[in-house]
Full PDB file with SEQRES, HELIX, SHEET, SSBOND, CRYST1, ORIGX, SCALE, CONECT and MASTER records, all heavy atoms in Angstrom:
SEQRES   1 A   35  GLY MET LEU GLY SER LEU PRO VAL ALA LEU THR ILE ASP          
SEQRES   2 A   35  GLY TYR GLY PRO ILE SER ASP ASN ALA GLY GLY ILE ALA          
SEQRES   3 A   35  GLU MET CYS GLY LEU PRO SER THR ILE                          
HELIX    1 AA1 LEU A    6  ASP A   13  1                                   8    
HELIX    2 AA2 TYR A   15  MET A   28  1                                  14    
CRYST1    1.000    1.000    1.000  90.00  90.00  90.00 P 1           1          
ORIGX1      1.000000  0.000000  0.000000        0.00000                         
ORIGX2      0.000000  1.000000  0.000000        0.00000                         
ORIGX3      0.000000  0.000000  1.000000        0.00000                         
SCALE1      1.000000  0.000000  0.000000        0.00000                         
SCALE2      0.000000  1.000000  0.000000        0.00000                         
SCALE3      0.000000  0.000000  1.000000        0.00000                         
ATOM      1  N   GLY A   1      53.285  95.932  18.910  1.00  0.00           N  
ATOM      2  CA  GLY A   1      53.492  94.704  18.113  1.00  0.00           C  
ATOM      3  C   GLY A   1      54.203  94.998  16.818  1.00  0.00           C  
ATOM      4  O   GLY A   1      55.117  94.239  16.399  1.00  0.00           O  
ATOM      5  N   MET A   2      53.784  96.071  16.136  1.00  0.00           N  
ATOM      6  CA  MET A   2      54.436  96.470  14.882  1.00  0.00           C  
ATOM      7  C   MET A   2      55.925  96.743  15.097  1.00  0.00           C  
ATOM      8  O   MET A   2      56.759  96.509  14.217  1.00  0.00           O  
ATOM      9  CB  MET A   2      53.754  97.671  14.271  1.00  0.00           C  
ATOM     10  CG  MET A   2      54.294  98.100  12.941  1.00  0.00           C  
ATOM     11  SD  MET A   2      53.345  99.383  12.124  1.00  0.00           S  
ATOM     12  CE  MET A   2      51.857  98.495  11.648  1.00  0.00           C  
ATOM     13  N   LEU A   3      56.264  97.268  16.257  1.00  0.00           N  
ATOM     14  CA  LEU A   3      57.669  97.575  16.558  1.00  0.00           C  
ATOM     15  C   LEU A   3      58.363  96.426  17.283  1.00  0.00           C  
ATOM     16  O   LEU A   3      59.450  96.602  17.818  1.00  0.00           O  
ATOM     17  CB  LEU A   3      57.746  98.837  17.431  1.00  0.00           C  
ATOM     18  CG  LEU A   3      57.290 100.118  16.735  1.00  0.00           C  
ATOM     19  CD1 LEU A   3      57.073 101.232  17.731  1.00  0.00           C  
ATOM     20  CD2 LEU A   3      58.315 100.550  15.661  1.00  0.00           C  
ATOM     21  N   GLY A   4      57.730  95.224  17.320  1.00  0.00           N  
ATOM     22  CA  GLY A   4      58.328  94.107  18.014  1.00  0.00           C  
ATOM     23  C   GLY A   4      59.626  93.667  17.435  1.00  0.00           C  
ATOM     24  O   GLY A   4      60.526  93.225  18.169  1.00  0.00           O  
ATOM     25  N   SER A   5      59.780  93.752  16.110  1.00  0.00           N  
ATOM     26  CA  SER A   5      61.052  93.339  15.444  1.00  0.00           C  
ATOM     27  C   SER A   5      61.956  94.564  15.239  1.00  0.00           C  
ATOM     28  O   SER A   5      62.763  94.534  14.288  1.00  0.00           O  
ATOM     29  CB  SER A   5      60.751  92.639  14.133  1.00  0.00           C  
ATOM     30  OG  SER A   5      59.957  93.468  13.284  1.00  0.00           O  
ATOM     31  N   LEU A   6      61.823  95.552  16.079  1.00  0.00           N  
ATOM     32  CA  LEU A   6      62.608  96.783  15.914  1.00  0.00           C  
ATOM     33  C   LEU A   6      64.122  96.539  15.946  1.00  0.00           C  
ATOM     34  O   LEU A   6      64.825  97.142  15.113  1.00  0.00           O  
ATOM     35  CB  LEU A   6      62.200  97.791  17.013  1.00  0.00           C  
ATOM     36  CG  LEU A   6      62.966  99.100  17.041  1.00  0.00           C  
ATOM     37  CD1 LEU A   6      62.671  99.880  15.765  1.00  0.00           C  
ATOM     38  CD2 LEU A   6      62.544  99.940  18.258  1.00  0.00           C  
ATOM     39  N   PRO A   7      64.635  95.680  16.829  1.00  0.00           N  
ATOM     40  CA  PRO A   7      66.114  95.451  16.790  1.00  0.00           C  
ATOM     41  C   PRO A   7      66.592  94.965  15.439  1.00  0.00           C  
ATOM     42  O   PRO A   7      67.636  95.411  14.956  1.00  0.00           O  
ATOM     43  CB  PRO A   7      66.295  94.397  17.868  1.00  0.00           C  
ATOM     44  CG  PRO A   7      65.168  94.621  18.839  1.00  0.00           C  
ATOM     45  CD  PRO A   7      64.022  94.977  17.975  1.00  0.00           C  
ATOM     46  N   VAL A   8      65.845  94.042  14.813  1.00  0.00           N  
ATOM     47  CA  VAL A   8      66.257  93.544  13.485  1.00  0.00           C  
ATOM     48  C   VAL A   8      66.112  94.657  12.445  1.00  0.00           C  
ATOM     49  O   VAL A   8      66.999  94.832  11.580  1.00  0.00           O  
ATOM     50  CB  VAL A   8      65.403  92.332  13.090  1.00  0.00           C  
ATOM     51  CG1 VAL A   8      65.664  91.912  11.639  1.00  0.00           C  
ATOM     52  CG2 VAL A   8      65.697  91.166  14.002  1.00  0.00           C  
ATOM     53  N   ALA A   9      65.011  95.407  12.516  1.00  0.00           N  
ATOM     54  CA  ALA A   9      64.795  96.510  11.528  1.00  0.00           C  
ATOM     55  C   ALA A   9      65.914  97.513  11.604  1.00  0.00           C  
ATOM     56  O   ALA A   9      66.421  98.003  10.575  1.00  0.00           O  
ATOM     57  CB  ALA A   9      63.441  97.164  11.764  1.00  0.00           C  
ATOM     58  N   LEU A  10      66.332  97.894  12.791  1.00  0.00           N  
ATOM     59  CA  LEU A  10      67.413  98.845  12.949  1.00  0.00           C  
ATOM     60  C   LEU A  10      68.750  98.275  12.529  1.00  0.00           C  
ATOM     61  O   LEU A  10      69.585  98.964  11.964  1.00  0.00           O  
ATOM     62  CB  LEU A  10      67.494  99.326  14.399  1.00  0.00           C  
ATOM     63  CG  LEU A  10      66.437 100.361  14.842  1.00  0.00           C  
ATOM     64  CD1 LEU A  10      66.652 100.732  16.305  1.00  0.00           C  
ATOM     65  CD2 LEU A  10      66.487 101.589  13.962  1.00  0.00           C  
ATOM     66  N   THR A  11      68.926  96.980  12.792  1.00  0.00           N  
ATOM     67  CA  THR A  11      70.175  96.351  12.393  1.00  0.00           C  
ATOM     68  C   THR A  11      70.393  96.345  10.892  1.00  0.00           C  
ATOM     69  O   THR A  11      71.432  96.731  10.380  1.00  0.00           O  
ATOM     70  CB  THR A  11      70.230  94.917  12.931  1.00  0.00           C  
ATOM     71  OG1 THR A  11      70.118  94.918  14.348  1.00  0.00           O  
ATOM     72  CG2 THR A  11      71.512  94.222  12.541  1.00  0.00           C  
ATOM     73  N   ILE A  12      69.346  95.914  10.163  1.00  0.00           N  
ATOM     74  CA  ILE A  12      69.508  95.878   8.703  1.00  0.00           C  
ATOM     75  C   ILE A  12      69.444  97.288   8.131  1.00  0.00           C  
ATOM     76  O   ILE A  12      69.979  97.542   7.031  1.00  0.00           O  
ATOM     77  CB  ILE A  12      68.414  94.989   8.067  1.00  0.00           C  
ATOM     78  CG1 ILE A  12      67.017  95.521   8.308  1.00  0.00           C  
ATOM     79  CG2 ILE A  12      68.532  93.581   8.576  1.00  0.00           C  
ATOM     80  CD1 ILE A  12      65.916  94.765   7.574  1.00  0.00           C  
ATOM     81  N   ASP A  13      68.825  98.234   8.843  1.00  0.00           N  
ATOM     82  CA  ASP A  13      68.812  99.593   8.405  1.00  0.00           C  
ATOM     83  C   ASP A  13      70.246 100.197   8.401  1.00  0.00           C  
ATOM     84  O   ASP A  13      70.561 101.055   7.598  1.00  0.00           O  
ATOM     85  CB  ASP A  13      67.905 100.426   9.344  1.00  0.00           C  
ATOM     86  CG  ASP A  13      67.465 101.754   8.707  1.00  0.00           C  
ATOM     87  OD1 ASP A  13      67.784 101.956   7.535  1.00  0.00           O  
ATOM     88  OD2 ASP A  13      66.803 102.537   9.389  1.00  0.00           O  
ATOM     89  N   GLY A  14      71.066  99.681   9.276  1.00  0.00           N  
ATOM     90  CA  GLY A  14      72.441 100.197   9.380  1.00  0.00           C  
ATOM     91  C   GLY A  14      73.352  99.753   8.259  1.00  0.00           C  
ATOM     92  O   GLY A  14      74.455 100.295   8.110  1.00  0.00           O  
ATOM     93  N   TYR A  15      72.945  98.772   7.471  1.00  0.00           N  
ATOM     94  CA  TYR A  15      73.836  98.280   6.412  1.00  0.00           C  
ATOM     95  C   TYR A  15      74.046  99.360   5.349  1.00  0.00           C  
ATOM     96  O   TYR A  15      75.120  99.434   4.768  1.00  0.00           O  
ATOM     97  CB  TYR A  15      73.219  97.048   5.733  1.00  0.00           C  
ATOM     98  CG  TYR A  15      73.556  95.746   6.414  1.00  0.00           C  
ATOM     99  CD1 TYR A  15      72.733  95.239   7.442  1.00  0.00           C  
ATOM    100  CD2 TYR A  15      74.690  95.040   6.063  1.00  0.00           C  
ATOM    101  CE1 TYR A  15      73.052  94.070   8.090  1.00  0.00           C  
ATOM    102  CE2 TYR A  15      75.010  93.843   6.720  1.00  0.00           C  
ATOM    103  CZ  TYR A  15      74.186  93.390   7.706  1.00  0.00           C  
ATOM    104  OH  TYR A  15      74.472  92.200   8.341  1.00  0.00           O  
ATOM    105  N   GLY A  16      73.020 100.168   5.085  1.00  0.00           N  
ATOM    106  CA  GLY A  16      73.135 101.177   4.016  1.00  0.00           C  
ATOM    107  C   GLY A  16      74.302 102.141   4.150  1.00  0.00           C  
ATOM    108  O   GLY A  16      75.251 102.151   3.359  1.00  0.00           O  
ATOM    109  N   PRO A  17      74.267 102.980   5.215  1.00  0.00           N  
ATOM    110  CA  PRO A  17      75.353 103.982   5.345  1.00  0.00           C  
ATOM    111  C   PRO A  17      76.730 103.350   5.593  1.00  0.00           C  
ATOM    112  O   PRO A  17      77.735 103.901   5.173  1.00  0.00           O  
ATOM    113  CB  PRO A  17      74.890 104.804   6.574  1.00  0.00           C  
ATOM    114  CG  PRO A  17      73.875 103.990   7.252  1.00  0.00           C  
ATOM    115  CD  PRO A  17      73.196 103.173   6.218  1.00  0.00           C  
ATOM    116  N   ILE A  18      76.748 102.187   6.274  1.00  0.00           N  
ATOM    117  CA  ILE A  18      78.062 101.563   6.554  1.00  0.00           C  
ATOM    118  C   ILE A  18      78.695 101.110   5.233  1.00  0.00           C  
ATOM    119  O   ILE A  18      79.863 101.435   4.929  1.00  0.00           O  
ATOM    120  CB  ILE A  18      77.858 100.373   7.476  1.00  0.00           C  
ATOM    121  CG1 ILE A  18      77.462 100.830   8.897  1.00  0.00           C  
ATOM    122  CG2 ILE A  18      79.169  99.540   7.592  1.00  0.00           C  
ATOM    123  CD1 ILE A  18      77.084  99.738   9.823  1.00  0.00           C  
ATOM    124  N   SER A  19      77.929 100.394   4.400  1.00  0.00           N  
ATOM    125  CA  SER A  19      78.502  99.881   3.133  1.00  0.00           C  
ATOM    126  C   SER A  19      78.715 101.032   2.149  1.00  0.00           C  
ATOM    127  O   SER A  19      79.633 100.967   1.333  1.00  0.00           O  
ATOM    128  CB  SER A  19      77.581  98.810   2.542  1.00  0.00           C  
ATOM    129  OG  SER A  19      76.288  99.316   2.384  1.00  0.00           O  
ATOM    130  N   ASP A  20      77.884 102.078   2.238  1.00  0.00           N  
ATOM    131  CA  ASP A  20      78.072 103.204   1.341  1.00  0.00           C  
ATOM    132  C   ASP A  20      79.386 103.920   1.619  1.00  0.00           C  
ATOM    133  O   ASP A  20      80.147 104.252   0.714  1.00  0.00           O  
ATOM    134  CB  ASP A  20      76.898 104.176   1.514  1.00  0.00           C  
ATOM    135  CG  ASP A  20      76.819 105.198   0.388  1.00  0.00           C  
ATOM    136  OD1 ASP A  20      77.515 105.000  -0.605  1.00  0.00           O  
ATOM    137  OD2 ASP A  20      76.080 106.186   0.520  1.00  0.00           O  
ATOM    138  N   ASN A  21      79.645 104.134   2.888  1.00  0.00           N  
ATOM    139  CA  ASN A  21      80.932 104.761   3.255  1.00  0.00           C  
ATOM    140  C   ASN A  21      82.122 103.865   2.994  1.00  0.00           C  
ATOM    141  O   ASN A  21      83.212 104.318   2.558  1.00  0.00           O  
ATOM    142  CB  ASN A  21      80.924 105.122   4.790  1.00  0.00           C  
ATOM    143  CG  ASN A  21      80.021 106.291   5.092  1.00  0.00           C  
ATOM    144  OD1 ASN A  21      79.950 107.231   4.297  1.00  0.00           O  
ATOM    145  ND2 ASN A  21      79.297 106.217   6.187  1.00  0.00           N  
ATOM    146  N   ALA A  22      81.896 102.548   3.149  1.00  0.00           N  
ATOM    147  CA  ALA A  22      82.964 101.587   2.835  1.00  0.00           C  
ATOM    148  C   ALA A  22      83.308 101.656   1.352  1.00  0.00           C  
ATOM    149  O   ALA A  22      84.492 101.590   0.968  1.00  0.00           O  
ATOM    150  CB  ALA A  22      82.557 100.170   3.214  1.00  0.00           C  
ATOM    151  N   GLY A  23      82.268 101.767   0.496  1.00  0.00           N  
ATOM    152  CA  GLY A  23      82.507 101.899  -0.948  1.00  0.00           C  
ATOM    153  C   GLY A  23      83.279 103.156  -1.290  1.00  0.00           C  
ATOM    154  O   GLY A  23      84.187 103.148  -2.158  1.00  0.00           O  
ATOM    155  N   GLY A  24      82.923 104.252  -0.649  1.00  0.00           N  
ATOM    156  CA  GLY A  24      83.621 105.512  -0.915  1.00  0.00           C  
ATOM    157  C   GLY A  24      85.101 105.439  -0.505  1.00  0.00           C  
ATOM    158  O   GLY A  24      85.962 105.918  -1.191  1.00  0.00           O  
ATOM    159  N   ILE A  25      85.329 104.829   0.650  1.00  0.00           N  
ATOM    160  CA  ILE A  25      86.700 104.653   1.134  1.00  0.00           C  
ATOM    161  C   ILE A  25      87.504 103.784   0.164  1.00  0.00           C  
ATOM    162  O   ILE A  25      88.670 104.070  -0.148  1.00  0.00           O  
ATOM    163  CB  ILE A  25      86.723 104.084   2.565  1.00  0.00           C  
ATOM    164  CG1 ILE A  25      86.126 105.075   3.533  1.00  0.00           C  
ATOM    165  CG2 ILE A  25      88.124 103.692   2.987  1.00  0.00           C  
ATOM    166  CD1 ILE A  25      85.890 104.499   4.929  1.00  0.00           C  
ATOM    167  N   ALA A  26      86.887 102.672  -0.287  1.00  0.00           N  
ATOM    168  CA  ALA A  26      87.572 101.780  -1.217  1.00  0.00           C  
ATOM    169  C   ALA A  26      87.927 102.521  -2.514  1.00  0.00           C  
ATOM    170  O   ALA A  26      89.012 102.300  -3.085  1.00  0.00           O  
ATOM    171  CB  ALA A  26      86.692 100.571  -1.522  1.00  0.00           C  
ATOM    172  N   GLU A  27      87.018 103.356  -2.988  1.00  0.00           N  
ATOM    173  CA  GLU A  27      87.299 104.080  -4.251  1.00  0.00           C  
ATOM    174  C   GLU A  27      88.401 105.128  -4.055  1.00  0.00           C  
ATOM    175  O   GLU A  27      89.306 105.240  -4.906  1.00  0.00           O  
ATOM    176  CB  GLU A  27      86.026 104.783  -4.709  1.00  0.00           C  
ATOM    177  CG  GLU A  27      86.182 105.451  -6.068  1.00  0.00           C  
ATOM    178  CD  GLU A  27      84.853 106.006  -6.602  1.00  0.00           C  
ATOM    179  OE1 GLU A  27      83.864 105.962  -5.843  1.00  0.00           O  
ATOM    180  OE2 GLU A  27      84.840 106.470  -7.730  1.00  0.00           O  
ATOM    181  N   MET A  28      88.374 105.838  -2.953  1.00  0.00           N  
ATOM    182  CA  MET A  28      89.405 106.855  -2.711  1.00  0.00           C  
ATOM    183  C   MET A  28      90.765 106.247  -2.482  1.00  0.00           C  
ATOM    184  O   MET A  28      91.815 106.858  -2.792  1.00  0.00           O  
ATOM    185  CB  MET A  28      89.024 107.707  -1.499  1.00  0.00           C  
ATOM    186  CG  MET A  28      87.848 108.653  -1.780  1.00  0.00           C  
ATOM    187  SD  MET A  28      87.493 109.757  -0.388  1.00  0.00           S  
ATOM    188  CE  MET A  28      86.856 108.631   0.831  1.00  0.00           C  
ATOM    189  N   CYS A  29      90.800 105.007  -1.949  1.00  0.00           N  
ATOM    190  CA  CYS A  29      92.075 104.374  -1.691  1.00  0.00           C  
ATOM    191  C   CYS A  29      92.625 103.627  -2.899  1.00  0.00           C  
ATOM    192  O   CYS A  29      93.709 103.070  -2.865  1.00  0.00           O  
ATOM    193  CB  CYS A  29      91.947 103.330  -0.553  1.00  0.00           C  
ATOM    194  SG  CYS A  29      91.572 104.085   1.023  1.00  0.00           S  
ATOM    195  N   GLY A  30      91.853 103.614  -4.011  1.00  0.00           N  
ATOM    196  CA  GLY A  30      92.298 102.977  -5.224  1.00  0.00           C  
ATOM    197  C   GLY A  30      92.350 101.473  -5.127  1.00  0.00           C  
ATOM    198  O   GLY A  30      93.189 100.840  -5.762  1.00  0.00           O  
ATOM    199  N   LEU A  31      91.446 100.894  -4.325  1.00  0.00           N  
ATOM    200  CA  LEU A  31      91.438  99.429  -4.211  1.00  0.00           C  
ATOM    201  C   LEU A  31      90.891  98.797  -5.449  1.00  0.00           C  
ATOM    202  O   LEU A  31      90.221  99.431  -6.279  1.00  0.00           O  
ATOM    203  CB  LEU A  31      90.558  99.045  -2.982  1.00  0.00           C  
ATOM    204  CG  LEU A  31      91.096  99.525  -1.638  1.00  0.00           C  
ATOM    205  CD1 LEU A  31      90.105  99.147  -0.542  1.00  0.00           C  
ATOM    206  CD2 LEU A  31      92.475  98.916  -1.338  1.00  0.00           C  
ATOM    207  N   PRO A  32      91.116  97.474  -5.636  1.00  0.00           N  
ATOM    208  CA  PRO A  32      90.670  96.796  -6.867  1.00  0.00           C  
ATOM    209  C   PRO A  32      89.163  96.867  -7.027  1.00  0.00           C  
ATOM    210  O   PRO A  32      88.395  97.029  -6.061  1.00  0.00           O  
ATOM    211  CB  PRO A  32      91.105  95.349  -6.644  1.00  0.00           C  
ATOM    212  CG  PRO A  32      92.244  95.427  -5.669  1.00  0.00           C  
ATOM    213  CD  PRO A  32      91.937  96.587  -4.787  1.00  0.00           C  
ATOM    214  N   SER A  33      88.703  96.726  -8.289  1.00  0.00           N  
ATOM    215  CA  SER A  33      87.271  96.855  -8.565  1.00  0.00           C  
ATOM    216  C   SER A  33      86.467  95.728  -7.923  1.00  0.00           C  
ATOM    217  O   SER A  33      85.278  95.904  -7.665  1.00  0.00           O  
ATOM    218  CB  SER A  33      87.057  96.825 -10.107  1.00  0.00           C  
ATOM    219  OG  SER A  33      87.564  95.625 -10.645  1.00  0.00           O  
ATOM    220  N   THR A  34      87.093  94.611  -7.613  1.00  0.00           N  
ATOM    221  CA  THR A  34      86.392  93.496  -6.956  1.00  0.00           C  
ATOM    222  C   THR A  34      85.870  93.946  -5.581  1.00  0.00           C  
ATOM    223  O   THR A  34      84.804  93.514  -5.122  1.00  0.00           O  
ATOM    224  CB  THR A  34      87.299  92.266  -6.816  1.00  0.00           C  
ATOM    225  OG1 THR A  34      88.505  92.646  -6.151  1.00  0.00           O  
ATOM    226  CG2 THR A  34      87.611  91.695  -8.171  1.00  0.00           C  
ATOM    227  N   ILE A  35      86.645  94.779  -4.923  1.00  0.00           N  
ATOM    228  CA  ILE A  35      86.222  95.300  -3.613  1.00  0.00           C  
ATOM    229  C   ILE A  35      84.990  96.168  -3.784  1.00  0.00           C  
ATOM    230  O   ILE A  35      84.008  96.095  -3.044  1.00  0.00           O  
ATOM    231  CB  ILE A  35      87.361  96.083  -2.954  1.00  0.00           C  
ATOM    232  CG1 ILE A  35      88.631  95.238  -2.818  1.00  0.00           C  
ATOM    233  CG2 ILE A  35      86.909  96.640  -1.604  1.00  0.00           C  
ATOM    234  CD1 ILE A  35      88.469  94.046  -1.933  1.00  0.00           C  
TER     235      ILE A  35                                                      
MASTER        0    0    0    2    0    0    0    6  234    1    0    3          
END                                                                             
């Protein structure tokens, strides 16, 4: 039961590394600060 919402937990868990890498790529590419 505690793991019943596992798909949602794993989905939102994936936001961290994805957006972290996206931020690093944006910085290395010299994109605007709004990005």
